[in-house]
Amino acid sequence: MIIYQVEVTVPQDLVEQWLDYMTSHHIDDVVNTGLFVSSELVRVVDPSWDEHVVFRVRYSCESHDKLSRYRSEFAPALMADHTRIFGDRVSAVRTVTEKVWSTHR
């Protein structure tokens, strides 16, 4: 499984607006491309900062080919929409990892 993670730093005054946008639009738009099998949004609680909050959005897909297709066909428009709303006040760092092992209870 391939994990596409977007770590986003959001100023405190935009947290509610950003969370609403992500949970009511953006994450569904990414998953609805049909290239991901799941998504997860987490908040970093330790360490914490007074001036901003860090979130991580994790999207799981089955192959590098599907991720590559997402990045070339869908990501530019979705990122542009995010930038149109939040400008450069919200920053993001993207990483790609492969799941090696996991356990569930």
PDB file of N, CA and C in Angstrom:
ATOM      1  N   MET A   1       0.840  -1.178   0.000  1.00  0.00           N
ATOM      2  CA  MET A   1       0.000   0.000   0.000  1.00  0.00           C
ATOM      3  C   MET A   1       0.885   1.241   0.000  1.00  0.00           C
ATOM      4  N   ILE A   2       0.519   2.208  -0.796  1.00  0.00           N
ATOM      5  CA  ILE A   2       1.237   3.470  -0.905  1.00  0.00           C
ATOM      6  C   ILE A   2       0.478   4.518  -0.083  1.00  0.00           C
ATOM      7  N   ILE A   3       1.207   5.249   0.744  1.00  0.00           N
ATOM      8  CA  ILE A   3       0.606   6.309   1.553  1.00  0.00           C
ATOM      9  C   ILE A   3       1.115   7.653   1.053  1.00  0.00           C
ATOM     10  N   TYR A   4       0.183   8.474   0.612  1.00  0.00           N
ATOM     11  CA  TYR A   4       0.479   9.841   0.188  1.00  0.00           C
ATOM     12  C   TYR A   4       0.074  10.746   1.354  1.00  0.00           C
ATOM     13  N   GLN A   5       1.051  11.360   2.003  1.00  0.00           N
ATOM     14  CA  GLN A   5       0.776  12.177   3.185  1.00  0.00           C
ATOM     15  C   GLN A   5       1.027  13.642   2.887  1.00  0.00           C
ATOM     16  N   VAL A   6       0.082  14.464   3.288  1.00  0.00           N
ATOM     17  CA  VAL A   6       0.212  15.912   3.153  1.00  0.00           C
ATOM     18  C   VAL A   6       0.212  16.488   4.564  1.00  0.00           C
ATOM     19  N   GLU A   7       1.343  17.046   4.973  1.00  0.00           N
ATOM     20  CA  GLU A   7       1.446  17.687   6.284  1.00  0.00           C
ATOM     21  C   GLU A   7       1.192  19.173   6.089  1.00  0.00           C
ATOM     22  N   VAL A   8       0.173  19.676   6.771  1.00  0.00           N
ATOM     23  CA  VAL A   8      -0.296  21.036   6.543  1.00  0.00           C
ATOM     24  C   VAL A   8      -0.172  21.855   7.829  1.00  0.00           C
ATOM     25  N   THR A   9       0.422  23.020   7.711  1.00  0.00           N
ATOM     26  CA  THR A   9       0.548  23.947   8.835  1.00  0.00           C
ATOM     27  C   THR A   9      -0.472  25.064   8.638  1.00  0.00           C
ATOM     28  N   VAL A  10      -1.379  25.186   9.630  1.00  0.00           N
ATOM     29  CA  VAL A  10      -2.512  26.099   9.523  1.00  0.00           C
ATOM     30  C   VAL A  10      -2.448  27.118  10.664  1.00  0.00           C
ATOM     31  N   PRO A  11      -2.501  28.414  10.358  1.00  0.00           N
ATOM     32  CA  PRO A  11      -2.537  29.415  11.423  1.00  0.00           C
ATOM     33  C   PRO A  11      -3.772  29.210  12.306  1.00  0.00           C
ATOM     34  N   GLN A  12      -3.636  29.505  13.587  1.00  0.00           N
ATOM     35  CA  GLN A  12      -4.727  29.298  14.544  1.00  0.00           C
ATOM     36  C   GLN A  12      -6.041  29.932  14.074  1.00  0.00           C
ATOM     37  N   ASP A  13      -5.987  31.124  13.494  1.00  0.00           N
ATOM     38  CA  ASP A  13      -7.213  31.813  13.108  1.00  0.00           C
ATOM     39  C   ASP A  13      -7.913  31.193  11.900  1.00  0.00           C
ATOM     40  N   LEU A  14      -7.268  30.257  11.212  1.00  0.00           N
ATOM     41  CA  LEU A  14      -7.883  29.597  10.055  1.00  0.00           C
ATOM     42  C   LEU A  14      -8.266  28.145  10.323  1.00  0.00           C
ATOM     43  N   VAL A  15      -7.986  27.639  11.505  1.00  0.00           N
ATOM     44  CA  VAL A  15      -8.174  26.204  11.780  1.00  0.00           C
ATOM     45  C   VAL A  15      -9.605  25.751  11.510  1.00  0.00           C
ATOM     46  N   GLU A  16     -10.608  26.436  12.042  1.00  0.00           N
ATOM     47  CA  GLU A  16     -11.999  26.000  11.852  1.00  0.00           C
ATOM     48  C   GLU A  16     -12.397  26.036  10.385  1.00  0.00           C
ATOM     49  N   GLN A  17     -12.061  27.108   9.692  1.00  0.00           N
ATOM     50  CA  GLN A  17     -12.397  27.230   8.270  1.00  0.00           C
ATOM     51  C   GLN A  17     -11.686  26.145   7.458  1.00  0.00           C
ATOM     52  N   TRP A  18     -10.418  25.911   7.758  1.00  0.00           N
ATOM     53  CA  TRP A  18      -9.654  24.912   7.022  1.00  0.00           C
ATOM     54  C   TRP A  18     -10.216  23.509   7.262  1.00  0.00           C
ATOM     55  N   LEU A  19     -10.500  23.179   8.521  1.00  0.00           N
ATOM     56  CA  LEU A  19     -11.071  21.864   8.828  1.00  0.00           C
ATOM     57  C   LEU A  19     -12.405  21.658   8.124  1.00  0.00           C
ATOM     58  N   ASP A  20     -13.248  22.688   8.122  1.00  0.00           N
ATOM     59  CA  ASP A  20     -14.530  22.580   7.427  1.00  0.00           C
ATOM     60  C   ASP A  20     -14.317  22.327   5.939  1.00  0.00           C
ATOM     61  N   TYR A  21     -13.425  23.072   5.327  1.00  0.00           N
ATOM     62  CA  TYR A  21     -13.136  22.895   3.899  1.00  0.00           C
ATOM     63  C   TYR A  21     -12.614  21.484   3.615  1.00  0.00           C
ATOM     64  N   MET A  22     -11.683  21.038   4.427  1.00  0.00           N
ATOM     65  CA  MET A  22     -11.084  19.721   4.191  1.00  0.00           C
ATOM     66  C   MET A  22     -12.089  18.586   4.377  1.00  0.00           C
ATOM     67  N   THR A  23     -12.902  18.656   5.442  1.00  0.00           N
ATOM     68  CA  THR A  23     -13.806  17.546   5.751  1.00  0.00           C
ATOM     69  C   THR A  23     -15.116  17.592   4.974  1.00  0.00           C
ATOM     70  N   SER A  24     -15.456  18.737   4.411  1.00  0.00           N
ATOM     71  CA  SER A  24     -16.696  18.801   3.643  1.00  0.00           C
ATOM     72  C   SER A  24     -16.468  18.861   2.134  1.00  0.00           C
ATOM     73  N   HIS A  25     -15.200  19.065   1.708  1.00  0.00           N
ATOM     74  CA  HIS A  25     -14.937  19.165   0.268  1.00  0.00           C
ATOM     75  C   HIS A  25     -13.667  18.416  -0.164  1.00  0.00           C
ATOM     76  N   HIS A  26     -12.549  18.953   0.239  1.00  0.00           N
ATOM     77  CA  HIS A  26     -11.277  18.562  -0.368  1.00  0.00           C
ATOM     78  C   HIS A  26     -10.944  17.069  -0.239  1.00  0.00           C
ATOM     79  N   ILE A  27     -11.025  16.522   0.953  1.00  0.00           N
ATOM     80  CA  ILE A  27     -10.656  15.108   1.121  1.00  0.00           C
ATOM     81  C   ILE A  27     -11.568  14.222   0.286  1.00  0.00           C
ATOM     82  N   ASP A  28     -12.872  14.507   0.284  1.00  0.00           N
ATOM     83  CA  ASP A  28     -13.792  13.734  -0.558  1.00  0.00           C
ATOM     84  C   ASP A  28     -13.453  13.882  -2.037  1.00  0.00           C
ATOM     85  N   ASP A  29     -13.083  15.088  -2.452  1.00  0.00           N
ATOM     86  CA  ASP A  29     -12.710  15.307  -3.853  1.00  0.00           C
ATOM     87  C   ASP A  29     -11.510  14.451  -4.244  1.00  0.00           C
ATOM     88  N   VAL A  30     -10.532  14.342  -3.344  1.00  0.00           N
ATOM     89  CA  VAL A  30      -9.351  13.515  -3.624  1.00  0.00           C
ATOM     90  C   VAL A  30      -9.751  12.044  -3.714  1.00  0.00           C
ATOM     91  N   VAL A  31     -10.489  11.547  -2.735  1.00  0.00           N
ATOM     92  CA  VAL A  31     -10.881  10.137  -2.717  1.00  0.00           C
ATOM     93  C   VAL A  31     -11.812   9.810  -3.881  1.00  0.00           C
ATOM     94  N   ASN A  32     -12.672  10.752  -4.252  1.00  0.00           N
ATOM     95  CA  ASN A  32     -13.617  10.518  -5.347  1.00  0.00           C
ATOM     96  C   ASN A  32     -12.964  10.465  -6.722  1.00  0.00           C
ATOM     97  N   THR A  33     -11.665  10.704  -6.793  1.00  0.00           N
ATOM     98  CA  THR A  33     -10.971  10.485  -8.069  1.00  0.00           C
ATOM     99  C   THR A  33     -10.945   8.998  -8.405  1.00  0.00           C
ATOM    100  N   GLY A  34     -11.200   8.142  -7.408  1.00  0.00           N
ATOM    101  CA  GLY A  34     -11.185   6.700  -7.614  1.00  0.00           C
ATOM    102  C   GLY A  34      -9.800   6.087  -7.533  1.00  0.00           C
ATOM    103  N   LEU A  35      -8.807   6.887  -7.184  1.00  0.00           N
ATOM    104  CA  LEU A  35      -7.433   6.402  -7.159  1.00  0.00           C
ATOM    105  C   LEU A  35      -6.951   6.048  -5.756  1.00  0.00           C
ATOM    106  N   PHE A  36      -7.724   6.396  -4.737  1.00  0.00           N
ATOM    107  CA  PHE A  36      -7.359   6.103  -3.352  1.00  0.00           C
ATOM    108  C   PHE A  36      -8.410   5.201  -2.720  1.00  0.00           C
ATOM    109  N   VAL A  37      -7.974   4.368  -1.796  1.00  0.00           N
ATOM    110  CA  VAL A  37      -8.903   3.455  -1.133  1.00  0.00           C
ATOM    111  C   VAL A  37      -9.327   3.946   0.245  1.00  0.00           C
ATOM    112  N   SER A  38      -8.584   4.880   0.829  1.00  0.00           N
ATOM    113  CA  SER A  38      -8.962   5.423   2.128  1.00  0.00           C
ATOM    114  C   SER A  38      -8.242   6.738   2.382  1.00  0.00           C
ATOM    115  N   SER A  39      -8.740   7.444   3.402  1.00  0.00           N
ATOM    116  CA  SER A  39      -8.109   8.696   3.812  1.00  0.00           C
ATOM    117  C   SER A  39      -8.215   8.817   5.321  1.00  0.00           C
ATOM    118  N   GLU A  40      -7.362   9.658   5.866  1.00  0.00           N
ATOM    119  CA  GLU A  40      -7.318   9.864   7.312  1.00  0.00           C
ATOM    120  C   GLU A  40      -6.780  11.265   7.559  1.00  0.00           C
ATOM    121  N   LEU A  41      -7.401  11.974   8.494  1.00  0.00           N
ATOM    122  CA  LEU A  41      -6.952  13.304   8.879  1.00  0.00           C
ATOM    123  C   LEU A  41      -6.621  13.263  10.362  1.00  0.00           C
ATOM    124  N   VAL A  42      -5.383  13.645  10.699  1.00  0.00           N
ATOM    125  CA  VAL A  42      -4.965  13.675  12.109  1.00  0.00           C
ATOM    126  C   VAL A  42      -4.369  15.037  12.434  1.00  0.00           C
ATOM    127  N   ARG A  43      -4.487  15.395  13.709  1.00  0.00           N
ATOM    128  CA  ARG A  43      -3.905  16.640  14.217  1.00  0.00           C
ATOM    129  C   ARG A  43      -2.681  16.276  15.046  1.00  0.00           C
ATOM    130  N   VAL A  44      -1.582  16.981  14.843  1.00  0.00           N
ATOM    131  CA  VAL A  44      -0.396  16.789  15.677  1.00  0.00           C
ATOM    132  C   VAL A  44      -0.663  17.499  17.006  1.00  0.00           C
ATOM    133  N   VAL A  45      -0.599  16.743  18.113  1.00  0.00           N
ATOM    134  CA  VAL A  45      -0.863  17.339  19.429  1.00  0.00           C
ATOM    135  C   VAL A  45       0.406  17.489  20.267  1.00  0.00           C
ATOM    136  N   ASP A  46       1.459  16.797  19.896  1.00  0.00           N
ATOM    137  CA  ASP A  46       2.722  16.910  20.620  1.00  0.00           C
ATOM    138  C   ASP A  46       3.850  16.717  19.624  1.00  0.00           C
ATOM    139  N   PRO A  47       4.605  17.722  19.327  1.00  0.00           N
ATOM    140  CA  PRO A  47       4.620  19.034  19.968  1.00  0.00           C
ATOM    141  C   PRO A  47       3.442  19.898  19.494  1.00  0.00           C
ATOM    142  N   SER A  48       3.166  20.953  20.239  1.00  0.00           N
ATOM    143  CA  SER A  48       2.138  21.907  19.853  1.00  0.00           C
ATOM    144  C   SER A  48       2.751  23.302  19.820  1.00  0.00           C
ATOM    145  N   TRP A  49       2.072  24.194  19.099  1.00  0.00           N
ATOM    146  CA  TRP A  49       2.551  25.562  18.938  1.00  0.00           C
ATOM    147  C   TRP A  49       1.402  26.513  19.202  1.00  0.00           C
ATOM    148  N   ASP A  50       1.704  27.692  19.673  1.00  0.00           N
ATOM    149  CA  ASP A  50       0.673  28.689  19.946  1.00  0.00           C
ATOM    150  C   ASP A  50       0.129  29.323  18.671  1.00  0.00           C
ATOM    151  N   GLU A  51       0.986  29.525  17.690  1.00  0.00           N
ATOM    152  CA  GLU A  51       0.603  30.298  16.512  1.00  0.00           C
ATOM    153  C   GLU A  51      -0.010  29.484  15.374  1.00  0.00           C
ATOM    154  N   HIS A  52       0.160  28.152  15.386  1.00  0.00           N
ATOM    155  CA  HIS A  52      -0.393  27.329  14.312  1.00  0.00           C
ATOM    156  C   HIS A  52      -0.664  25.901  14.795  1.00  0.00           C
ATOM    157  N   VAL A  53      -1.380  25.172  13.947  1.00  0.00           N
ATOM    158  CA  VAL A  53      -1.677  23.764  14.197  1.00  0.00           C
ATOM    159  C   VAL A  53      -1.185  22.977  12.985  1.00  0.00           C
ATOM    160  N   VAL A  54      -0.619  21.809  13.238  1.00  0.00           N
ATOM    161  CA  VAL A  54      -0.148  20.949  12.154  1.00  0.00           C
ATOM    162  C   VAL A  54      -1.108  19.769  12.026  1.00  0.00           C
ATOM    163  N   PHE A  55      -1.535  19.522  10.794  1.00  0.00           N
ATOM    164  CA  PHE A  55      -2.399  18.390  10.472  1.00  0.00           C
ATOM    165  C   PHE A  55      -1.682  17.502   9.469  1.00  0.00           C
ATOM    166  N   ARG A  56      -2.037  16.238   9.465  1.00  0.00           N
ATOM    167  CA  ARG A  56      -1.546  15.315   8.454  1.00  0.00           C
ATOM    168  C   ARG A  56      -2.745  14.619   7.819  1.00  0.00           C
ATOM    169  N   VAL A  57      -2.807  14.705   6.506  1.00  0.00           N
ATOM    170  CA  VAL A  57      -3.832  14.001   5.753  1.00  0.00           C
ATOM    171  C   VAL A  57      -3.137  12.850   5.053  1.00  0.00           C
ATOM    172  N   ARG A  58      -3.628  11.638   5.292  1.00  0.00           N
ATOM    173  CA  ARG A  58      -3.014  10.451   4.692  1.00  0.00           C
ATOM    174  C   ARG A  58      -4.017   9.794   3.752  1.00  0.00           C
ATOM    175  N   TYR A  59      -3.582   9.624   2.528  1.00  0.00           N
ATOM    176  CA  TYR A  59      -4.393   8.954   1.511  1.00  0.00           C
ATOM    177  C   TYR A  59      -3.689   7.653   1.146  1.00  0.00           C
ATOM    178  N   SER A  60      -4.425   6.552   1.108  1.00  0.00           N
ATOM    179  CA  SER A  60      -3.848   5.248   0.750  1.00  0.00           C
ATOM    180  C   SER A  60      -4.278   4.867  -0.653  1.00  0.00           C
ATOM    181  N   CYS A  61      -3.310   4.392  -1.444  1.00  0.00           N
ATOM    182  CA  CYS A  61      -3.631   3.889  -2.773  1.00  0.00           C
ATOM    183  C   CYS A  61      -2.856   2.597  -3.023  1.00  0.00           C
ATOM    184  N   GLU A  62      -3.258   1.908  -4.048  1.00  0.00           N
ATOM    185  CA  GLU A  62      -2.736   0.564  -4.282  1.00  0.00           C
ATOM    186  C   GLU A  62      -1.427   0.514  -5.050  1.00  0.00           C
ATOM    187  N   SER A  63      -1.053   1.596  -5.740  1.00  0.00           N
ATOM    188  CA  SER A  63       0.167   1.526  -6.552  1.00  0.00           C
ATOM    189  C   SER A  63       0.764   2.912  -6.793  1.00  0.00           C
ATOM    190  N   HIS A  64       2.036   2.913  -7.135  1.00  0.00           N
ATOM    191  CA  HIS A  64       2.704   4.161  -7.517  1.00  0.00           C
ATOM    192  C   HIS A  64       2.089   4.716  -8.797  1.00  0.00           C
ATOM    193  N   ASP A  65       1.636   3.828  -9.688  1.00  0.00           N
ATOM    194  CA  ASP A  65       1.008   4.288 -10.931  1.00  0.00           C
ATOM    195  C   ASP A  65      -0.253   5.102 -10.643  1.00  0.00           C
ATOM    196  N   LYS A  66      -1.063   4.629  -9.692  1.00  0.00           N
ATOM    197  CA  LYS A  66      -2.279   5.373  -9.353  1.00  0.00           C
ATOM    198  C   LYS A  66      -1.934   6.719  -8.715  1.00  0.00           C
ATOM    199  N   LEU A  67      -0.939   6.735  -7.862  1.00  0.00           N
ATOM    200  CA  LEU A  67      -0.525   8.000  -7.256  1.00  0.00           C
ATOM    201  C   LEU A  67       0.004   8.951  -8.323  1.00  0.00           C
ATOM    202  N   SER A  68       0.790   8.442  -9.232  1.00  0.00           N
ATOM    203  CA  SER A  68       1.324   9.268 -10.316  1.00  0.00           C
ATOM    204  C   SER A  68       0.189   9.848 -11.161  1.00  0.00           C
ATOM    205  N   ARG A  69      -0.805   9.038 -11.434  1.00  0.00           N
ATOM    206  CA  ARG A  69      -1.964   9.518 -12.202  1.00  0.00           C
ATOM    207  C   ARG A  69      -2.681  10.621 -11.430  1.00  0.00           C
ATOM    208  N   TYR A  70      -2.879  10.427 -10.130  1.00  0.00           N
ATOM    209  CA  TYR A  70      -3.509  11.463  -9.310  1.00  0.00           C
ATOM    210  C   TYR A  70      -2.710  12.762  -9.401  1.00  0.00           C
ATOM    211  N   ARG A  71      -1.413  12.667  -9.220  1.00  0.00           N
ATOM    212  CA  ARG A  71      -0.567  13.861  -9.202  1.00  0.00           C
ATOM    213  C   ARG A  71      -0.572  14.598 -10.534  1.00  0.00           C
ATOM    214  N   SER A  72      -0.659  13.883 -11.626  1.00  0.00           N
ATOM    215  CA  SER A  72      -0.623  14.552 -12.929  1.00  0.00           C
ATOM    216  C   SER A  72      -1.998  15.013 -13.404  1.00  0.00           C
ATOM    217  N   GLU A  73      -3.045  14.241 -13.117  1.00  0.00           N
ATOM    218  CA  GLU A  73      -4.371  14.553 -13.659  1.00  0.00           C
ATOM    219  C   GLU A  73      -5.280  15.356 -12.726  1.00  0.00           C
ATOM    220  N   PHE A  74      -5.143  15.177 -11.428  1.00  0.00           N
ATOM    221  CA  PHE A  74      -6.097  15.769 -10.492  1.00  0.00           C
ATOM    222  C   PHE A  74      -5.499  16.771  -9.505  1.00  0.00           C
ATOM    223  N   ALA A  75      -4.290  16.511  -9.038  1.00  0.00           N
ATOM    224  CA  ALA A  75      -3.704  17.339  -7.982  1.00  0.00           C
ATOM    225  C   ALA A  75      -3.584  18.812  -8.346  1.00  0.00           C
ATOM    226  N   PRO A  76      -3.156  19.158  -9.560  1.00  0.00           N
ATOM    227  CA  PRO A  76      -2.992  20.592  -9.849  1.00  0.00           C
ATOM    228  C   PRO A  76      -4.267  21.408  -9.619  1.00  0.00           C
ATOM    229  N   ALA A  77      -5.406  20.926 -10.076  1.00  0.00           N
ATOM    230  CA  ALA A  77      -6.664  21.669  -9.906  1.00  0.00           C
ATOM    231  C   ALA A  77      -7.092  21.702  -8.439  1.00  0.00           C
ATOM    232  N   LEU A  78      -6.932  20.588  -7.728  1.00  0.00           N
ATOM    233  CA  LEU A  78      -7.323  20.551  -6.327  1.00  0.00           C
ATOM    234  C   LEU A  78      -6.419  21.446  -5.479  1.00  0.00           C
ATOM    235  N   MET A  79      -5.142  21.457  -5.776  1.00  0.00           N
ATOM    236  CA  MET A  79      -4.222  22.328  -5.058  1.00  0.00           C
ATOM    237  C   MET A  79      -4.509  23.801  -5.366  1.00  0.00           C
ATOM    238  N   ALA A  80      -4.860  24.091  -6.606  1.00  0.00           N
ATOM    239  CA  ALA A  80      -5.182  25.468  -6.988  1.00  0.00           C
ATOM    240  C   ALA A  80      -6.418  25.962  -6.247  1.00  0.00           C
ATOM    241  N   ASP A  81      -7.415  25.101  -6.072  1.00  0.00           N
ATOM    242  CA  ASP A  81      -8.613  25.478  -5.338  1.00  0.00           C
ATOM    243  C   ASP A  81      -8.269  25.789  -3.881  1.00  0.00           C
ATOM    244  N   HIS A  82      -7.438  24.947  -3.280  1.00  0.00           N
ATOM    245  CA  HIS A  82      -6.998  25.169  -1.895  1.00  0.00           C
ATOM    246  C   HIS A  82      -6.250  26.501  -1.788  1.00  0.00           C
ATOM    247  N   THR A  83      -5.366  26.765  -2.711  1.00  0.00           N
ATOM    248  CA  THR A  83      -4.589  28.006  -2.710  1.00  0.00           C
ATOM    249  C   THR A  83      -5.489  29.218  -2.940  1.00  0.00           C
ATOM    250  N   ARG A  84      -6.496  29.069  -3.778  1.00  0.00           N
ATOM    251  CA  ARG A  84      -7.439  30.166  -4.033  1.00  0.00           C
ATOM    252  C   ARG A  84      -8.118  30.596  -2.731  1.00  0.00           C
ATOM    253  N   ILE A  85      -8.430  29.634  -1.870  1.00  0.00           N
ATOM    254  CA  ILE A  85      -9.138  29.936  -0.625  1.00  0.00           C
ATOM    255  C   ILE A  85      -8.190  30.391   0.481  1.00  0.00           C
ATOM    256  N   PHE A  86      -7.057  29.709   0.628  1.00  0.00           N
ATOM    257  CA  PHE A  86      -6.185  29.952   1.786  1.00  0.00           C
ATOM    258  C   PHE A  86      -4.885  30.676   1.451  1.00  0.00           C
ATOM    259  N   GLY A  87      -4.601  30.853   0.179  1.00  0.00           N
ATOM    260  CA  GLY A  87      -3.399  31.568  -0.224  1.00  0.00           C
ATOM    261  C   GLY A  87      -2.146  30.925   0.328  1.00  0.00           C
ATOM    262  N   ASP A  88      -1.176  31.760   0.670  1.00  0.00           N
ATOM    263  CA  ASP A  88       0.093  31.241   1.180  1.00  0.00           C
ATOM    264  C   ASP A  88       0.131  31.214   2.711  1.00  0.00           C
ATOM    265  N   ARG A  89      -1.011  31.423   3.349  1.00  0.00           N
ATOM    266  CA  ARG A  89      -1.053  31.373   4.827  1.00  0.00           C
ATOM    267  C   ARG A  89      -1.007  29.948   5.342  1.00  0.00           C
ATOM    268  N   VAL A  90      -1.376  29.000   4.490  1.00  0.00           N
ATOM    269  CA  VAL A  90      -1.355  27.581   4.849  1.00  0.00           C
ATOM    270  C   VAL A  90      -0.260  26.935   4.001  1.00  0.00           C
ATOM    271  N   SER A  91       0.634  26.203   4.645  1.00  0.00           N
ATOM    272  CA  SER A  91       1.720  25.564   3.897  1.00  0.00           C
ATOM    273  C   SER A  91       1.602  24.052   3.998  1.00  0.00           C
ATOM    274  N   ALA A  92       2.116  23.371   2.983  1.00  0.00           N
ATOM    275  CA  ALA A  92       2.008  21.912   2.937  1.00  0.00           C
ATOM    276  C   ALA A  92       3.321  21.289   2.485  1.00  0.00           C
ATOM    277  N   VAL A  93       3.609  20.126   3.067  1.00  0.00           N
ATOM    278  CA  VAL A  93       4.747  19.303   2.671  1.00  0.00           C
ATOM    279  C   VAL A  93       4.195  17.926   2.355  1.00  0.00           C
ATOM    280  N   ARG A  94       4.532  17.419   1.186  1.00  0.00           N
ATOM    281  CA  ARG A  94       4.007  16.125   0.744  1.00  0.00           C
ATOM    282  C   ARG A  94       5.099  15.063   0.776  1.00  0.00           C
ATOM    283  N   THR A  95       4.731  13.865   1.264  1.00  0.00           N
ATOM    284  CA  THR A  95       5.649  12.731   1.272  1.00  0.00           C
ATOM    285  C   THR A  95       4.904  11.491   0.795  1.00  0.00           C
ATOM    286  N   VAL A  96       5.676  10.549   0.289  1.00  0.00           N
ATOM    287  CA  VAL A  96       5.123   9.272  -0.160  1.00  0.00           C
ATOM    288  C   VAL A  96       5.860   8.168   0.567  1.00  0.00           C
ATOM    289  N   THR A  97       5.104   7.259   1.166  1.00  0.00           N
ATOM    290  CA  THR A  97       5.696   6.122   1.858  1.00  0.00           C
ATOM    291  C   THR A  97       5.004   4.843   1.401  1.00  0.00           C
ATOM    292  N   GLU A  98       5.635   3.727   1.682  1.00  0.00           N
ATOM    293  CA  GLU A  98       5.046   2.418   1.417  1.00  0.00           C
ATOM    294  C   GLU A  98       4.828   1.699   2.739  1.00  0.00           C
ATOM    295  N   LYS A  99       3.636   1.133   2.887  1.00  0.00           N
ATOM    296  CA  LYS A  99       3.369   0.373   4.108  1.00  0.00           C
ATOM    297  C   LYS A  99       4.162  -0.922   4.064  1.00  0.00           C
ATOM    298  N   VAL A 100       4.930  -1.173   5.089  1.00  0.00           N
ATOM    299  CA  VAL A 100       5.765  -2.362   5.186  1.00  0.00           C
ATOM    300  C   VAL A 100       5.089  -3.425   6.054  1.00  0.00           C
ATOM    301  N   TRP A 101       4.452  -2.962   7.133  1.00  0.00           N
ATOM    302  CA  TRP A 101       3.847  -3.890   8.078  1.00  0.00           C
ATOM    303  C   TRP A 101       2.827  -3.143   8.913  1.00  0.00           C
ATOM    304  N   SER A 102       1.768  -3.801   9.312  1.00  0.00           N
ATOM    305  CA  SER A 102       0.811  -3.170  10.221  1.00  0.00           C
ATOM    306  C   SER A 102       0.061  -4.249  10.983  1.00  0.00           C
ATOM    307  N   THR A 103      -0.573  -3.830  12.057  1.00  0.00           N
ATOM    308  CA  THR A 103      -1.423  -4.714  12.837  1.00  0.00           C
ATOM    309  C   THR A 103      -2.702  -3.971  13.191  1.00  0.00           C
ATOM    310  N   HIS A 104      -3.776  -4.674  13.316  1.00  0.00           N
ATOM    311  CA  HIS A 104      -5.060  -4.066  13.685  1.00  0.00           C
ATOM    312  C   HIS A 104      -5.695  -4.908  14.774  1.00  0.00           C
ATOM    313  N   ARG A 105      -6.363  -4.270  15.676  1.00  0.00           N
ATOM    314  CA  ARG A 105      -7.084  -4.974  16.742  1.00  0.00           C
ATOM    315  C   ARG A 105      -8.537  -4.622  16.700  1.00  0.00           C
TER     316      ARG A 105
END
